[in-house]
Amino acid sequence: MKPIERCLIFAMVMAIAACAATSAHMENEEGAEVDCSKWGVGFVFAPLALIRSTNCVKKLQEAGYHKVDANAPLASAPQTAASGQKP
């Protein structure tokens, strides 16, 4: 196999192997929650996931939502015994 062929195959594999995952939880003053998390695999869908997540966050911020800490449990999520609170 020629070096140029190897380079082309490598470039194609890398283009297919691209991936992205975002995590953005939004909440408004009334406590309504929206998850703007998106994921994508491949040369087209990885950037698309990032764009969709960013657009989701921007639209919700314009509507009065704010980001919630990713490590904090959402209000609708059941509490576990490990957290010291009853479900």
N, C-alpha and C. Protein backbone atom coordinates (compact mmCIF):
# COMPACT_ATOMS: atom_id res chain seq x y z
N MET A 1 0.84 -1.17 0.00
CA MET A 1 0.00 0.00 0.00
C MET A 1 0.89 1.24 0.00
N LYS A 2 0.55 2.20 -0.84
CA LYS A 2 1.32 3.42 -0.96
C LYS A 2 1.07 4.33 0.23
N PRO A 3 2.08 5.16 0.57
CA PRO A 3 1.91 6.07 1.71
C PRO A 3 0.70 7.00 1.57
N ILE A 4 0.43 7.45 0.34
CA ILE A 4 -0.71 8.35 0.14
C ILE A 4 -2.02 7.62 0.43
N GLU A 5 -2.09 6.35 0.08
CA GLU A 5 -3.29 5.57 0.36
C GLU A 5 -3.47 5.39 1.87
N ARG A 6 -2.38 5.17 2.55
CA ARG A 6 -2.44 5.04 4.01
C ARG A 6 -2.95 6.33 4.64
N CYS A 7 -2.44 7.45 4.16
CA CYS A 7 -2.87 8.74 4.69
C CYS A 7 -4.36 8.98 4.43
N LEU A 8 -4.84 8.63 3.25
CA LEU A 8 -6.25 8.81 2.93
C LEU A 8 -7.13 7.93 3.80
N ILE A 9 -6.72 6.69 4.00
CA ILE A 9 -7.49 5.78 4.86
C ILE A 9 -7.50 6.29 6.29
N PHE A 10 -6.36 6.75 6.76
CA PHE A 10 -6.28 7.29 8.12
C PHE A 10 -7.20 8.50 8.27
N ALA A 11 -7.20 9.39 7.28
CA ALA A 11 -8.05 10.58 7.33
C ALA A 11 -9.53 10.20 7.33
N MET A 12 -9.91 9.21 6.55
CA MET A 12 -11.30 8.77 6.51
C MET A 12 -11.73 8.15 7.83
N VAL A 13 -10.87 7.34 8.42
CA VAL A 13 -11.18 6.73 9.72
C VAL A 13 -11.33 7.80 10.78
N MET A 14 -10.45 8.78 10.79
CA MET A 14 -10.53 9.85 11.79
C MET A 14 -11.79 10.68 11.61
N ALA A 15 -12.21 10.89 10.38
CA ALA A 15 -13.42 11.67 10.12
C ALA A 15 -14.66 10.93 10.63
N ILE A 16 -14.67 9.64 10.47
CA ILE A 16 -15.81 8.83 10.92
C ILE A 16 -15.79 8.69 12.44
N ALA A 17 -14.61 8.64 13.04
CA ALA A 17 -14.48 8.36 14.46
C ALA A 17 -14.73 9.57 15.36
N ALA A 18 -14.92 10.74 14.81
CA ALA A 18 -15.14 11.93 15.64
C ALA A 18 -16.41 11.77 16.46
N CYS A 19 -16.37 12.26 17.70
CA CYS A 19 -17.57 12.20 18.53
C CYS A 19 -17.61 13.42 19.45
N ALA A 20 -18.82 13.75 19.90
CA ALA A 20 -19.00 14.87 20.81
C ALA A 20 -20.19 14.58 21.71
N ALA A 21 -20.08 15.01 22.95
CA ALA A 21 -21.19 14.91 23.90
C ALA A 21 -21.18 16.15 24.78
N THR A 22 -22.34 16.79 24.88
CA THR A 22 -22.45 17.98 25.71
C THR A 22 -23.48 17.72 26.80
N SER A 23 -23.36 18.45 27.87
CA SER A 23 -24.29 18.32 28.98
C SER A 23 -24.65 19.71 29.47
N ALA A 24 -25.91 20.07 29.36
CA ALA A 24 -26.37 21.38 29.83
C ALA A 24 -27.78 21.23 30.37
N HIS A 25 -27.93 21.45 31.67
CA HIS A 25 -29.23 21.40 32.31
C HIS A 25 -29.66 22.83 32.61
N MET A 26 -30.88 23.16 32.24
CA MET A 26 -31.39 24.51 32.40
C MET A 26 -32.62 24.49 33.32
N GLU A 27 -32.81 25.59 34.05
CA GLU A 27 -33.95 25.69 34.96
C GLU A 27 -34.44 27.14 34.98
N ASN A 28 -35.76 27.33 35.10
CA ASN A 28 -36.29 28.68 35.20
C ASN A 28 -36.68 28.98 36.64
N GLU A 29 -37.22 30.17 36.89
CA GLU A 29 -37.56 30.60 38.24
C GLU A 29 -38.67 29.77 38.86
N GLU A 30 -39.55 29.19 38.04
CA GLU A 30 -40.65 28.37 38.56
C GLU A 30 -40.20 26.94 38.86
N GLY A 31 -38.98 26.60 38.50
CA GLY A 31 -38.46 25.26 38.75
C GLY A 31 -38.59 24.30 37.58
N ALA A 32 -39.10 24.78 36.45
CA ALA A 32 -39.19 23.93 35.26
C ALA A 32 -37.78 23.66 34.74
N GLU A 33 -37.54 22.41 34.39
CA GLU A 33 -36.19 21.99 33.97
C GLU A 33 -36.19 21.48 32.54
N VAL A 34 -35.13 21.78 31.82
CA VAL A 34 -34.95 21.31 30.45
C VAL A 34 -33.52 20.81 30.32
N ASP A 35 -33.37 19.70 29.63
CA ASP A 35 -32.05 19.12 29.40
C ASP A 35 -31.62 19.43 27.97
N CYS A 36 -30.55 20.18 27.81
CA CYS A 36 -30.02 20.53 26.48
C CYS A 36 -28.84 19.65 26.10
N SER A 37 -28.72 18.49 26.69
CA SER A 37 -27.61 17.58 26.38
C SER A 37 -27.81 16.97 25.00
N LYS A 38 -26.76 16.93 24.25
CA LYS A 38 -26.78 16.35 22.89
C LYS A 38 -25.51 15.53 22.68
N TRP A 39 -25.57 14.58 21.75
CA TRP A 39 -24.37 13.81 21.41
C TRP A 39 -24.40 13.51 19.92
N GLY A 40 -23.22 13.28 19.36
CA GLY A 40 -23.12 12.96 17.94
C GLY A 40 -21.83 12.22 17.65
N VAL A 41 -21.89 11.36 16.64
CA VAL A 41 -20.74 10.58 16.22
C VAL A 41 -20.53 10.79 14.73
N GLY A 42 -19.31 11.01 14.35
CA GLY A 42 -18.99 11.17 12.94
C GLY A 42 -18.67 12.61 12.60
N PHE A 43 -18.17 12.79 11.41
CA PHE A 43 -17.70 14.08 10.94
C PHE A 43 -18.82 15.11 10.86
N VAL A 44 -20.03 14.67 10.55
CA VAL A 44 -21.16 15.58 10.43
C VAL A 44 -21.91 15.73 11.76
N PHE A 45 -22.17 14.63 12.42
CA PHE A 45 -23.04 14.65 13.59
C PHE A 45 -22.38 15.16 14.87
N ALA A 46 -21.07 15.07 14.99
CA ALA A 46 -20.40 15.61 16.18
C ALA A 46 -20.51 17.14 16.22
N PRO A 47 -20.17 17.86 15.16
CA PRO A 47 -20.36 19.32 15.19
C PRO A 47 -21.83 19.71 15.28
N LEU A 48 -22.71 18.92 14.67
CA LEU A 48 -24.13 19.21 14.73
C LEU A 48 -24.65 19.13 16.17
N ALA A 49 -24.15 18.17 16.94
CA ALA A 49 -24.55 18.04 18.34
C ALA A 49 -24.12 19.28 19.14
N LEU A 50 -22.93 19.77 18.89
CA LEU A 50 -22.45 20.97 19.58
C LEU A 50 -23.29 22.20 19.22
N ILE A 51 -23.62 22.33 17.96
CA ILE A 51 -24.42 23.46 17.50
C ILE A 51 -25.82 23.40 18.10
N ARG A 52 -26.45 22.21 18.09
CA ARG A 52 -27.80 22.07 18.63
C ARG A 52 -27.83 22.36 20.12
N SER A 53 -26.83 21.91 20.86
CA SER A 53 -26.78 22.16 22.29
C SER A 53 -26.61 23.65 22.57
N THR A 54 -25.72 24.30 21.84
CA THR A 54 -25.49 25.74 22.02
C THR A 54 -26.76 26.52 21.70
N ASN A 55 -27.45 26.17 20.61
CA ASN A 55 -28.69 26.85 20.25
C ASN A 55 -29.76 26.65 21.31
N CYS A 56 -29.86 25.46 21.86
CA CYS A 56 -30.82 25.15 22.91
C CYS A 56 -30.57 26.04 24.13
N VAL A 57 -29.32 26.14 24.56
CA VAL A 57 -28.97 26.96 25.72
C VAL A 57 -29.28 28.42 25.46
N LYS A 58 -28.93 28.94 24.29
CA LYS A 58 -29.17 30.35 23.96
C LYS A 58 -30.66 30.67 23.99
N LYS A 59 -31.48 29.81 23.36
CA LYS A 59 -32.92 30.05 23.31
C LYS A 59 -33.53 30.03 24.71
N LEU A 60 -33.09 29.08 25.54
CA LEU A 60 -33.64 28.99 26.89
C LEU A 60 -33.18 30.16 27.76
N GLN A 61 -31.95 30.61 27.59
CA GLN A 61 -31.48 31.77 28.35
C GLN A 61 -32.28 33.01 27.98
N GLU A 62 -32.63 33.15 26.72
CA GLU A 62 -33.46 34.27 26.28
C GLU A 62 -34.86 34.18 26.88
N ALA A 63 -35.30 32.95 27.19
CA ALA A 63 -36.63 32.73 27.78
C ALA A 63 -36.59 32.79 29.30
N GLY A 64 -35.43 33.11 29.89
CA GLY A 64 -35.35 33.28 31.33
C GLY A 64 -34.79 32.09 32.09
N TYR A 65 -34.29 31.08 31.40
CA TYR A 65 -33.70 29.93 32.08
C TYR A 65 -32.25 30.22 32.42
N HIS A 66 -31.71 29.49 33.38
CA HIS A 66 -30.29 29.59 33.73
C HIS A 66 -29.73 28.19 33.87
N LYS A 67 -28.41 28.08 33.72
CA LYS A 67 -27.75 26.78 33.81
C LYS A 67 -27.75 26.29 35.25
N VAL A 68 -27.92 24.98 35.39
CA VAL A 68 -27.87 24.33 36.69
C VAL A 68 -26.56 23.55 36.75
N ASP A 69 -25.93 23.51 37.91
CA ASP A 69 -24.69 22.76 38.08
C ASP A 69 -24.89 21.32 37.63
N ALA A 70 -24.01 20.83 36.77
CA ALA A 70 -24.14 19.47 36.23
C ALA A 70 -24.04 18.40 37.30
N ASN A 71 -23.35 18.69 38.40
CA ASN A 71 -23.20 17.70 39.46
C ASN A 71 -24.35 17.71 40.46
N ALA A 72 -25.15 18.76 40.42
CA ALA A 72 -26.28 18.85 41.35
C ALA A 72 -27.45 18.05 40.80
N PRO A 73 -28.15 17.30 41.64
CA PRO A 73 -29.30 16.55 41.16
C PRO A 73 -30.43 17.49 40.78
N LEU A 74 -31.16 17.14 39.73
CA LEU A 74 -32.31 17.94 39.34
C LEU A 74 -33.41 17.76 40.36
N ALA A 75 -34.27 18.75 40.50
CA ALA A 75 -35.33 18.70 41.51
C ALA A 75 -36.27 17.52 41.27
N SER A 76 -36.46 17.13 40.01
CA SER A 76 -37.37 16.03 39.70
C SER A 76 -36.72 14.67 39.90
N ALA A 77 -35.40 14.63 40.09
CA ALA A 77 -34.71 13.36 40.27
C ALA A 77 -34.94 12.84 41.68
N PRO A 78 -35.25 11.55 41.83
CA PRO A 78 -35.47 11.02 43.17
C PRO A 78 -34.18 11.01 43.98
N GLN A 79 -34.28 11.33 45.26
CA GLN A 79 -33.13 11.30 46.16
C GLN A 79 -32.86 9.86 46.58
N THR A 80 -31.62 9.55 46.82
CA THR A 80 -31.27 8.19 47.23
C THR A 80 -30.88 8.17 48.70
N ALA A 81 -30.86 6.97 49.27
CA ALA A 81 -30.49 6.81 50.67
C ALA A 81 -29.04 7.24 50.89
N ALA A 82 -28.21 7.11 49.87
CA ALA A 82 -26.80 7.47 50.00
C ALA A 82 -26.63 8.97 50.23
N SER A 83 -27.58 9.77 49.75
CA SER A 83 -27.47 11.21 49.92
C SER A 83 -27.98 11.66 51.28
N GLY A 84 -28.53 10.73 52.05
CA GLY A 84 -29.02 11.07 53.38
C GLY A 84 -30.45 11.57 53.38
N GLN A 85 -31.10 11.58 52.21
CA GLN A 85 -32.48 12.04 52.13
C GLN A 85 -33.37 10.89 51.66
N LYS A 86 -34.61 10.94 52.07
CA LYS A 86 -35.57 9.92 51.64
C LYS A 86 -36.07 10.24 50.25
N PRO A 87 -36.37 9.20 49.45
CA PRO A 87 -36.90 9.44 48.10
C PRO A 87 -38.26 10.08 48.14
